[in-house]
Protein backbone atom coordinates (compact mmCIF):
# COMPACT_ATOMS: atom_id res chain seq x y z
CA MET A 1 -6.90 11.49 -11.34
CA LEU A 2 -3.86 9.21 -11.52
CA THR A 3 -0.85 11.02 -12.98
CA GLU A 4 2.42 9.71 -14.38
CA TYR A 5 4.26 10.85 -11.25
CA GLY A 6 1.67 9.15 -9.05
CA THR A 7 2.09 5.90 -10.98
CA LYS A 8 5.87 6.02 -10.69
CA HIS A 9 5.71 6.73 -6.97
CA ALA A 10 3.23 3.87 -6.35
CA VAL A 11 5.42 1.45 -8.31
CA HIS A 12 8.45 2.64 -6.33
CA VAL A 13 6.67 1.95 -3.03
CA ILE A 14 5.58 -1.54 -4.12
CA THR A 15 9.07 -2.33 -5.45
CA ASN A 16 10.67 -1.40 -2.11
CA HIS A 17 8.16 -3.43 -0.11
CA PHE A 18 7.56 -6.52 -2.27
CA GLY A 19 10.12 -6.65 -5.06
CA ASP A 20 10.19 -6.27 -8.85
CA LEU A 21 7.83 -9.14 -9.70
CA VAL A 22 4.91 -7.83 -7.62
CA ALA A 23 5.66 -4.27 -8.75
CA LYS A 24 5.45 -5.32 -12.41
CA VAL A 25 1.93 -6.69 -11.92
CA CYS A 26 0.95 -3.60 -9.93
CA GLU A 27 2.29 -1.25 -12.62
CA CYS A 28 0.35 -3.16 -15.28
CA LEU A 29 -2.91 -2.64 -13.38
CA LEU A 30 -2.08 1.01 -12.69
CA ARG A 31 -1.50 1.76 -16.37
CA LYS A 32 -4.10 -0.53 -17.98
CA GLY A 33 -6.88 -0.27 -15.41
CA PRO A 34 -8.95 -3.25 -14.17
CA LEU A 35 -7.86 -6.50 -15.83
CA THR A 36 -8.54 -10.21 -15.65
CA ARG A 37 -5.72 -12.51 -14.59
CA GLN A 38 -5.29 -13.72 -18.16
CA ASN A 39 -4.88 -10.16 -19.43
CA VAL A 40 -2.37 -9.36 -16.69
CA LYS A 41 -0.44 -12.43 -17.77
CA ARG A 42 -0.58 -11.31 -21.41
CA TYR A 43 0.59 -7.74 -20.75
CA THR A 44 3.34 -8.62 -18.25
CA GLU A 45 4.52 -11.79 -20.08
CA LEU A 46 4.80 -13.56 -16.73
CA SER A 47 3.73 -17.10 -16.00
CA ASP A 48 0.25 -17.79 -14.64
CA GLU A 49 1.73 -18.89 -11.30
CA GLN A 50 3.78 -15.71 -10.99
CA VAL A 51 0.77 -13.50 -11.74
CA LYS A 52 -1.40 -15.45 -9.30
CA ASN A 53 1.14 -15.15 -6.46
CA ALA A 54 1.72 -11.43 -7.12
CA LEU A 55 -2.02 -10.73 -7.07
CA LEU A 56 -2.42 -12.70 -3.83
CA VAL A 57 0.32 -10.60 -2.20
CA LEU A 58 -1.28 -7.35 -3.36
CA ILE A 59 -4.73 -8.47 -2.15
CA GLN A 60 -3.32 -9.62 1.20
CA GLN A 61 -1.70 -6.20 1.63
CA ASN A 62 -4.93 -4.35 0.67
CA CYS A 63 -3.36 -2.86 -2.47
CA VAL A 64 -5.62 -4.68 -4.97
CA GLN A 65 -9.32 -5.57 -4.84
CA ALA A 66 -10.87 -8.35 -6.89
CA PHE A 67 -14.41 -7.93 -8.22
CA THR A 68 -16.82 -9.81 -10.45
CA THR A 69 -18.77 -8.52 -13.42
CA GLU A 70 -21.43 -10.26 -15.47
CA GLN A 71 -21.05 -10.21 -19.24
CA PRO A 72 -23.40 -11.61 -21.88
CA ASP A 73 -22.23 -15.03 -23.01
CA GLY A 74 -23.83 -14.86 -26.45
CA PHE A 75 -25.53 -18.21 -25.91
CA ALA A 76 -28.60 -19.42 -24.03
CA ASP A 77 -26.51 -20.09 -20.91
CA GLY A 78 -27.03 -16.54 -19.67
CA PRO A 79 -24.47 -14.00 -18.39
CA LYS A 80 -20.92 -15.14 -17.66
CA ALA A 81 -19.09 -14.19 -14.46
CA ASN A 82 -15.76 -12.44 -15.04
CA THR A 83 -13.25 -11.78 -12.23
CA GLN A 84 -11.10 -8.66 -12.57
CA TYR A 85 -8.56 -6.88 -10.38
CA VAL A 86 -8.24 -3.15 -9.66
CA VAL A 87 -5.44 -1.29 -7.87
CA LEU A 88 -6.33 0.65 -4.69
CA PHE A 89 -4.00 3.57 -5.35
CA ASP A 90 -4.65 5.39 -2.07
CA ASN A 91 -3.87 2.28 -0.04
CA ILE A 92 -0.45 2.05 -1.71
CA LEU A 93 0.33 5.65 -0.75
CA HIS A 94 -0.82 4.97 2.83
CA ARG A 95 2.03 2.48 3.22
CA VAL A 96 4.54 5.33 3.62
CA ARG A 97 2.37 6.69 6.47
CA PHE A 98 2.49 3.55 8.62
CA ALA A 99 4.96 5.13 11.07
CA LYS A 100 2.58 8.08 11.57
CA PHE A 101 -0.32 5.69 12.14
CA LEU A 102 1.58 3.90 14.92
CA THR A 103 2.56 7.25 16.47
CA ILE A 104 -1.12 8.20 16.67
CA LEU A 105 -1.94 4.91 18.42
CA SER A 106 0.93 5.27 20.90
CA GLN A 107 -0.53 8.63 21.97
CA GLU A 108 -4.05 7.29 22.50
CA PHE A 109 -3.73 3.59 23.45
CA ASP A 110 -1.46 1.18 25.29
CA GLN A 111 1.40 -0.85 23.85
CA GLN A 112 -0.74 -3.93 23.18
CA CYS A 113 -2.95 -1.88 20.84
CA VAL A 114 0.12 -0.58 19.02
CA GLU A 115 1.54 -4.09 18.60
CA LEU A 116 -1.78 -5.45 17.32
CA VAL A 117 -2.10 -2.75 14.64
CA GLN A 118 1.59 -3.08 13.82
CA GLY A 119 0.91 -6.73 13.00
CA LEU A 120 -2.03 -5.77 10.78
CA LEU A 121 0.07 -3.17 8.95
CA GLU A 122 2.87 -5.68 8.49
CA HIS A 123 0.75 -8.64 7.36
CA GLY A 124 -2.12 -6.77 5.72
CA ARG A 125 -4.99 -8.77 7.22
CA LEU A 126 -5.27 -11.30 10.06
CA THR A 127 -7.84 -13.35 11.93
CA LEU A 128 -8.12 -13.15 15.72
CA LYS A 129 -6.33 -16.50 16.01
CA GLN A 130 -3.47 -15.28 13.82
CA MET A 131 -3.19 -12.14 15.95
CA PHE A 132 -3.06 -14.32 19.07
CA ASP A 133 -0.41 -16.64 17.59
CA ARG A 134 1.69 -13.63 16.59
CA ALA A 135 1.36 -12.09 20.07
CA LYS A 136 2.31 -15.43 21.72
CA SER A 137 5.41 -15.80 19.55
CA SER A 138 6.65 -12.32 20.47
CA GLU A 139 5.58 -12.15 24.12
CA LYS A 140 8.26 -11.20 26.60
CA GLU A 141 9.00 -12.91 29.89
CA GLY A 142 6.56 -11.79 32.57
CA ASN A 143 4.23 -10.23 29.99
CA LEU A 144 1.93 -13.11 29.08
CA VAL A 145 -0.78 -12.67 26.45
CA ASP A 146 -4.20 -14.31 26.74
CA LEU A 147 -7.00 -14.50 24.20
CA ASP A 148 -9.50 -12.53 26.29
CA SER A 149 -7.20 -9.53 26.72
CA LEU A 150 -6.35 -9.60 23.03
CA ARG A 151 -10.05 -9.68 22.17
CA GLU A 152 -10.65 -6.68 24.44
CA THR A 153 -7.82 -4.82 22.69
CA LEU A 154 -9.36 -5.60 19.33
CA VAL A 155 -12.76 -4.35 20.53
CA LYS A 156 -11.20 -1.02 21.60
CA LEU A 157 -9.53 -0.53 18.23
CA VAL A 158 -12.63 -1.51 16.27
CA THR A 159 -14.79 0.80 18.39
CA ALA A 160 -12.37 3.65 17.66
CA HIS A 161 -12.59 2.74 13.93
CA TYR A 162 -8.85 2.10 13.68
CA VAL A 163 -9.50 -1.56 12.76
CA GLU A 164 -12.27 -2.99 10.57
CA ARG A 165 -13.43 -6.26 9.07
CA CYS A 166 -12.03 -6.93 5.63
CA PRO A 167 -14.31 -6.27 2.64
CA ALA A 168 -15.91 -8.94 0.49
CA SER A 169 -13.36 -10.89 -1.53
CA GLU A 170 -15.10 -10.54 -4.91
CA PRO A 171 -18.10 -8.19 -4.86
CA LEU A 172 -20.41 -8.13 -7.85
CA LEU A 173 -20.12 -4.89 -9.83
CA MET A 174 -22.93 -4.04 -12.19
CA PRO A 175 -21.78 -3.47 -15.80
CA ILE A 176 -21.07 0.14 -16.76
CA SER A 177 -23.10 1.62 -19.59
CA GLU A 178 -21.41 2.89 -22.73
CA GLU A 179 -22.44 6.48 -21.95
CA GLU A 180 -20.60 6.39 -18.62
CA GLY A 181 -17.43 4.93 -20.10
CA PRO A 182 -14.94 2.61 -18.41
CA ALA A 183 -13.52 5.15 -15.98
CA ARG A 184 -14.55 8.74 -15.43
CA LYS A 185 -12.01 11.31 -14.36
CA LYS A 186 -12.73 13.39 -11.29
CA GLY A 187 -14.46 16.63 -12.17
CA SER A 188 -15.45 15.49 -15.66
CA LYS A 189 -18.84 16.32 -17.12
CA SER A 190 -19.80 12.65 -17.18
CA ALA A 191 -19.31 12.26 -13.44
CA LYS A 192 -22.17 10.92 -11.39
CA LYS A 193 -24.18 12.89 -8.89
CA ILE A 194 -22.58 14.08 -5.67
CA GLY A 195 -22.18 11.25 -3.18
CA GLU A 196 -21.97 8.48 -5.80
CA PRO A 197 -18.68 6.81 -6.75
CA GLU A 198 -16.96 8.42 -9.73
CA THR A 199 -14.36 5.82 -10.73
CA ILE A 200 -14.32 2.04 -11.04
CA GLU A 201 -11.97 1.89 -8.05
CA GLN A 202 -14.45 3.79 -5.90
CA GLN A 203 -17.37 1.69 -7.14
CA VAL A 204 -15.54 -1.53 -6.28
CA VAL A 205 -14.54 -0.24 -2.82
CA GLU A 206 -18.14 0.76 -2.08
CA ALA A 207 -19.49 -2.57 -3.30
CA ALA A 208 -16.98 -4.56 -1.22
CA LEU A 209 -17.48 -2.77 2.10
CA PRO A 210 -19.74 -4.63 4.55
CA MET A 211 -22.62 -2.94 6.34
CA GLU A 212 -21.56 -0.40 8.97
CA ALA A 213 -22.76 -2.55 11.87
CA MET A 214 -20.81 -5.55 10.61
CA ARG A 215 -17.78 -3.61 9.43
CA PHE A 216 -16.99 -2.39 12.96
CA SER A 217 -18.02 -5.38 15.07
CA VAL A 218 -16.15 -8.07 17.01
CA VAL A 219 -17.50 -11.38 18.34
CA THR A 220 -17.18 -11.46 22.15
CA ASN A 221 -18.16 -13.71 25.10
CA VAL A 222 -17.86 -16.82 22.99
CA GLU A 223 -18.06 -19.34 25.81
CA SER A 224 -21.18 -17.81 27.39
CA ASP A 225 -22.90 -17.61 24.01
CA VAL A 226 -22.19 -21.29 23.36
CA GLY A 227 -23.46 -22.29 26.81
CA GLU A 228 -26.68 -20.35 26.36
CA LYS A 229 -27.35 -21.97 22.99
CA GLU A 230 -26.79 -25.44 24.45
CA LYS A 231 -29.37 -24.80 27.15
CA ASN A 232 -31.93 -23.62 24.64
CA SER A 233 -31.43 -26.67 22.44
CA ASN A 234 -31.82 -29.42 25.09
CA ASN A 235 -35.37 -30.28 23.92
CA VAL A 236 -34.24 -30.87 20.32
CA THR A 237 -33.76 -34.43 19.03
CA PRO A 238 -30.13 -35.60 18.48
CA GLY A 239 -30.36 -35.48 14.69
CA GLU A 240 -31.85 -32.01 14.67
CA LYS A 241 -29.63 -30.79 17.51
CA ARG A 242 -26.47 -30.85 15.37
CA LYS A 243 -28.12 -28.77 12.62
CA HIS A 244 -29.65 -26.47 15.23
CA ASP A 245 -26.25 -25.88 16.90
CA VAL A 246 -24.50 -25.08 13.63
CA LEU A 247 -27.18 -22.60 12.59
CA GLU A 248 -27.22 -20.92 15.99
CA LEU A 249 -23.43 -20.69 16.15
CA ASP A 250 -23.36 -19.03 12.75
CA GLU A 251 -26.07 -16.58 13.82
CA CYS A 252 -24.30 -15.47 16.99
CA GLY A 253 -20.94 -15.31 15.19
CA VAL A 254 -19.06 -17.93 17.25
CA ALA A 255 -18.22 -20.04 14.23
CA ASP A 256 -16.92 -16.94 12.46
CA GLU A 257 -14.45 -15.83 15.14
CA GLN A 258 -11.69 -17.98 13.68
CA SER A 259 -12.49 -17.03 10.09
CA VAL A 260 -13.37 -13.31 10.24
CA VAL A 261 -10.41 -11.34 8.89
CA TYR A 262 -9.49 -7.86 10.11
CA ARG A 263 -7.32 -5.08 8.72
CA ALA A 264 -6.27 -1.55 9.67
CA ASN A 265 -8.84 1.07 8.72
CA PHE A 266 -6.82 3.67 6.81
CA GLU A 267 -9.79 6.05 6.75
CA GLY A 268 -9.76 6.27 10.54
CA PHE A 269 -6.05 7.10 10.67
CA ILE A 270 -6.27 9.65 7.85
CA ARG A 271 -9.23 11.31 9.58
CA ARG A 272 -7.18 11.57 12.78
CA LEU A 273 -4.20 13.02 10.89
CA ARG A 274 -6.51 15.50 9.18
CA HIS A 275 -7.91 16.62 12.52
CA LYS A 276 -4.41 17.06 13.93
CA GLY A 277 -3.34 19.04 10.86
CA CYS A 278 -6.38 21.32 11.11
CA ILE A 279 -5.75 22.00 14.80
CA ASP A 280 -2.04 22.71 14.27
CA HIS A 281 -2.85 25.02 11.35
CA VAL A 282 -5.38 27.02 13.40
CA ARG A 283 -2.97 27.25 16.33
CA ALA A 284 -0.26 28.65 14.02
CA HIS A 285 -2.61 31.24 12.47
CA LEU A 286 -4.59 32.25 15.57
CA ASP A 287 -3.93 31.09 19.15
CA ASP A 288 -4.32 28.21 21.57
CA GLY A 289 -7.88 29.24 22.43
CA ALA A 290 -9.09 28.93 18.82
CA ALA A 291 -7.24 25.62 18.52
CA ASN A 292 -8.96 24.32 21.67
CA VAL A 293 -12.37 25.33 20.33
CA LEU A 294 -11.71 23.66 16.98
CA SER A 295 -10.45 20.53 18.74
CA ALA A 296 -13.63 20.40 20.83
CA MET A 297 -15.81 20.76 17.73
CA LEU A 298 -13.90 17.94 16.02
CA GLN A 299 -14.31 15.73 19.07
CA ALA A 300 -18.03 16.43 19.29
CA THR A 301 -18.66 15.65 15.62
CA SER A 302 -16.19 12.78 15.16
CA SER A 303 -18.81 10.01 15.46
CA ALA A 304 -21.06 11.63 12.85
CA GLU A 305 -18.08 12.29 10.55
CA LYS A 306 -17.20 8.58 10.56
CA LYS A 307 -20.58 7.77 9.04
CA VAL A 308 -21.11 10.72 6.67
CA LYS A 309 -18.42 12.24 4.48
CA THR A 310 -19.29 15.88 3.92
CA LYS A 311 -17.51 19.14 3.17
CA ASN A 312 -18.56 20.60 6.54
CA SER A 313 -18.94 19.04 9.96
CA VAL A 314 -22.27 18.59 11.69
CA PRO A 315 -23.59 21.99 12.96
CA LEU A 316 -23.22 22.59 16.69
CA SER A 317 -24.76 25.17 18.99
CA LEU A 318 -22.60 27.47 21.13
CA SER A 319 -23.66 25.68 24.32
CA SER A 320 -22.76 22.27 22.85
CA ILE A 321 -19.34 23.54 21.81
CA TYR A 322 -18.68 25.04 25.25
CA GLU A 323 -19.79 21.83 26.94
CA GLU A 324 -17.20 19.93 24.89
CA VAL A 325 -14.50 22.59 25.43
CA ILE A 326 -14.58 22.35 29.22
CA LYS A 327 -14.06 18.59 29.11
CA SER A 328 -10.35 19.18 28.46
CA GLU A 329 -7.91 20.60 31.01
CA ALA A 330 -6.90 23.46 28.70
CA GLY A 331 -10.53 24.29 27.93
CA ARG A 332 -11.52 24.71 31.59
CA ASN A 333 -9.70 28.06 31.63
CA MET A 334 -11.97 29.42 28.89
CA THR A 335 -15.20 31.32 29.50
CA LEU A 336 -18.25 31.31 27.24
CA ASP A 337 -17.28 34.76 25.90
CA HIS A 338 -13.79 33.47 25.13
CA VAL A 339 -15.26 30.57 23.14
CA ARG A 340 -17.59 32.95 21.29
CA ALA A 341 -14.65 35.22 20.41
CA SER A 342 -12.63 32.26 19.14
CA LEU A 343 -15.54 31.23 16.91
CA VAL A 344 -15.61 34.76 15.49
CA GLN A 345 -11.89 34.50 14.72
CA LEU A 346 -12.38 31.15 13.02
CA GLY A 347 -15.27 32.57 11.02
CA GLU A 348 -13.22 35.54 9.80
CA LEU A 349 -10.75 33.11 8.22
CA SER A 350 -13.63 31.01 6.81
CA PHE A 351 -12.52 28.04 8.91
CA VAL A 352 -15.97 27.91 10.54
CA ASP A 353 -19.36 28.63 8.99
CA ALA A 354 -21.91 30.31 11.26
CA SER A 355 -25.64 30.28 10.54
CA SER A 356 -28.75 30.37 12.74
CA ASP A 357 -26.77 30.24 16.00
CA SER A 358 -24.96 27.06 14.90
CA TYR A 359 -21.38 26.50 13.82
CA SER A 360 -19.78 23.95 11.48
CA ILE A 361 -16.15 23.37 10.43
CA ASP A 362 -15.24 23.98 6.78
CA PHE A 363 -12.68 21.21 6.28
CA GLU A 364 -12.05 22.05 2.63
CA LYS A 365 -11.10 25.66 3.40
CA ILE A 366 -8.63 24.76 6.16
CA ILE A 367 -7.00 22.03 4.07
CA GLU A 368 -6.88 24.22 0.95
CA ILE A 369 -5.07 27.04 2.77
CA ALA A 370 -2.67 24.61 4.44
CA GLN A 371 -1.84 22.96 1.09
CA ASN A 372 -1.29 26.34 -0.60
CA GLU A 373 1.09 27.41 2.15
CA GLU A 374 2.98 24.13 1.83
CA VAL A 375 3.42 24.65 -1.91
CA GLU A 376 4.47 28.26 -1.32
CA SER A 377 7.09 27.02 1.14
CA VAL A 378 8.45 24.59 -1.47
CA VAL A 379 8.59 27.36 -4.10
CA SER A 380 10.39 29.69 -1.68
CA LYS A 381 13.05 27.12 -0.77
CA ARG A 382 13.59 25.95 -4.36
CA TYR A 383 13.39 29.21 -6.33
CA GLY A 384 13.88 32.06 -3.84
CA ARG A 385 11.85 34.88 -2.34
CA ASP A 386 11.09 36.62 -5.66
CA ALA A 387 9.57 33.42 -7.05
CA TYR A 388 7.63 32.99 -3.82
CA ARG A 389 6.06 36.46 -4.15
CA ILE A 390 5.16 35.82 -7.80
CA PHE A 391 3.63 32.42 -7.07
CA ARG A 392 1.69 33.78 -4.08
CA LEU A 393 0.28 36.64 -6.18
CA LEU A 394 -0.91 34.29 -8.92
CA SER A 395 -2.25 31.81 -6.39
CA LYS A 396 -4.29 34.46 -4.59
CA SER A 397 -5.57 36.17 -7.76
CA GLY A 398 -6.66 32.95 -9.45
CA ARG A 399 -6.66 34.56 -12.91
CA LEU A 400 -4.37 35.39 -15.82
CA LEU A 401 -1.98 38.29 -15.25
CA GLU A 402 0.40 39.98 -17.69
CA THR A 403 4.12 39.72 -17.06
CA ASP A 404 4.55 43.47 -16.53
CA LYS A 405 1.65 43.51 -14.08
CA ILE A 406 3.23 40.65 -12.12
CA SER A 407 6.58 42.44 -12.04
CA ASP A 408 5.09 45.74 -10.85
CA THR A 409 2.93 44.16 -8.16
CA THR A 410 5.65 41.93 -6.66
CA PHE A 411 8.49 44.50 -7.02
CA VAL A 412 10.56 42.05 -9.06
CA GLU A 413 12.89 43.44 -11.74
CA LYS A 414 11.27 43.34 -15.19
CA LYS A 415 14.28 41.51 -16.63
CA ASP A 416 14.13 38.84 -13.88
CA ALA A 417 10.37 38.23 -13.88
CA PRO A 418 10.23 36.36 -17.25
CA LYS A 419 13.11 34.09 -16.16
CA ILE A 420 11.39 33.20 -12.89
CA LEU A 421 8.05 32.65 -14.63
CA TYR A 422 9.70 30.37 -17.17
CA LYS A 423 11.29 28.24 -14.42
CA LEU A 424 7.98 27.90 -12.57
CA TRP A 425 6.14 27.10 -15.79
CA LYS A 426 8.74 24.53 -16.88
CA ASP A 427 8.46 22.69 -13.55
CA GLY A 428 4.66 22.65 -13.70
CA TYR A 429 3.86 25.25 -11.04
CA LEU A 430 2.25 27.69 -13.51
CA LEU A 431 0.23 27.72 -16.69
CA MET A 432 1.31 30.21 -19.33
CA GLU A 433 -0.31 31.65 -22.43
CA VAL A 434 2.68 32.74 -24.46
CA HIS A 435 0.68 34.63 -27.07
CA THR A 436 -0.69 37.01 -24.42
CA PHE A 437 2.39 36.95 -22.21
CA SER A 438 0.30 36.06 -19.22
CA CYS A 439 0.22 33.16 -16.82
CA LEU A 440 -1.94 31.53 -14.19
CA CYS A 441 -1.01 29.61 -11.06
CA TRP A 442 -1.23 25.82 -11.40
CA CYS A 443 -3.38 24.39 -8.63
CA LEU A 444 -1.44 21.54 -7.05
């Protein structure tokens, strides 16, 4: 759910990157929800040209998605197409993570891959020709860039799901019924079934995404494809040959190579950051052996995780996990018993679920504990150790506790406890019921 602080932060990011004019249009969409261009113009009091240019910038930078809805016209002409624009809030926040994204690439790929993605992050979306022109303009002496090597680099990044084809420019979104409302909040009673989009933003994103096979595909071997099509069309008459060539080129994708637009796949980078965070968290709580086992499980299930978003990873047998563990240099020092013991450790902390001789990673549990510890660290630094103990108690209990009970349990002076609770409540870390003199930790 978009909060006031989230809106202010998103507007701040857009202002720093693109200026006040673009930020004004973005803030209007953040606060008002999906709007037509005319309504954006009316709310912002900007000219039509200014609104148009601002929207084009936001679309180019993957911060806004256009979509089309059909509305009854009231006459015999039938439904009327209506183009609206919705802010992609998560994509705006991802802009402050661009440096982390490039760090990930530098650890896994060569410099040409880093420079290609850096161009996509800088320009939002590019065709292969635009990538090549950018690489040519910045090439150093003795380090020449050719189209084939650039295409190979793009294939590697697309295969790794760090780069994807851009979504449809204006997908058709079916009208929302009155019962569903214009935008459901996460966790509300009116939310759809699990696995279905809950908000308009999510519905638009799902509708715009191309099929998986097309989303992560790159046209290659253009010249050989063209030559093969020419051979197969030699027995066609001249008039038909032109039509035949155009159709065949479109089918094999050659004609699209100069028009297909690519962008960085933020999901792929966030997934990689999540994996790294989970491994670091396990290493800090347990040991290197447990971290190696978790890393192997993540590596073995990464391809399935790209296709299916679930709370837990795909279940793996002990033998499959061990087979993946010994692929790494650090894992070759581990025996099967060592791996089994590490899985027991992970299970005791609820990081791994074990059932029927198979094991799966509980992503939600690891992330939840890591987030709680991060908040506890902030509370400790900002309010002191006494506040940290109080917050930790309320966070762990998950229920209302009386002030005296909190003071006795945390060994905080009774005269100091109300003051600390008031500070935490005022800053939004706690919920408090004054009439019962009890409070409950605010889940951040």
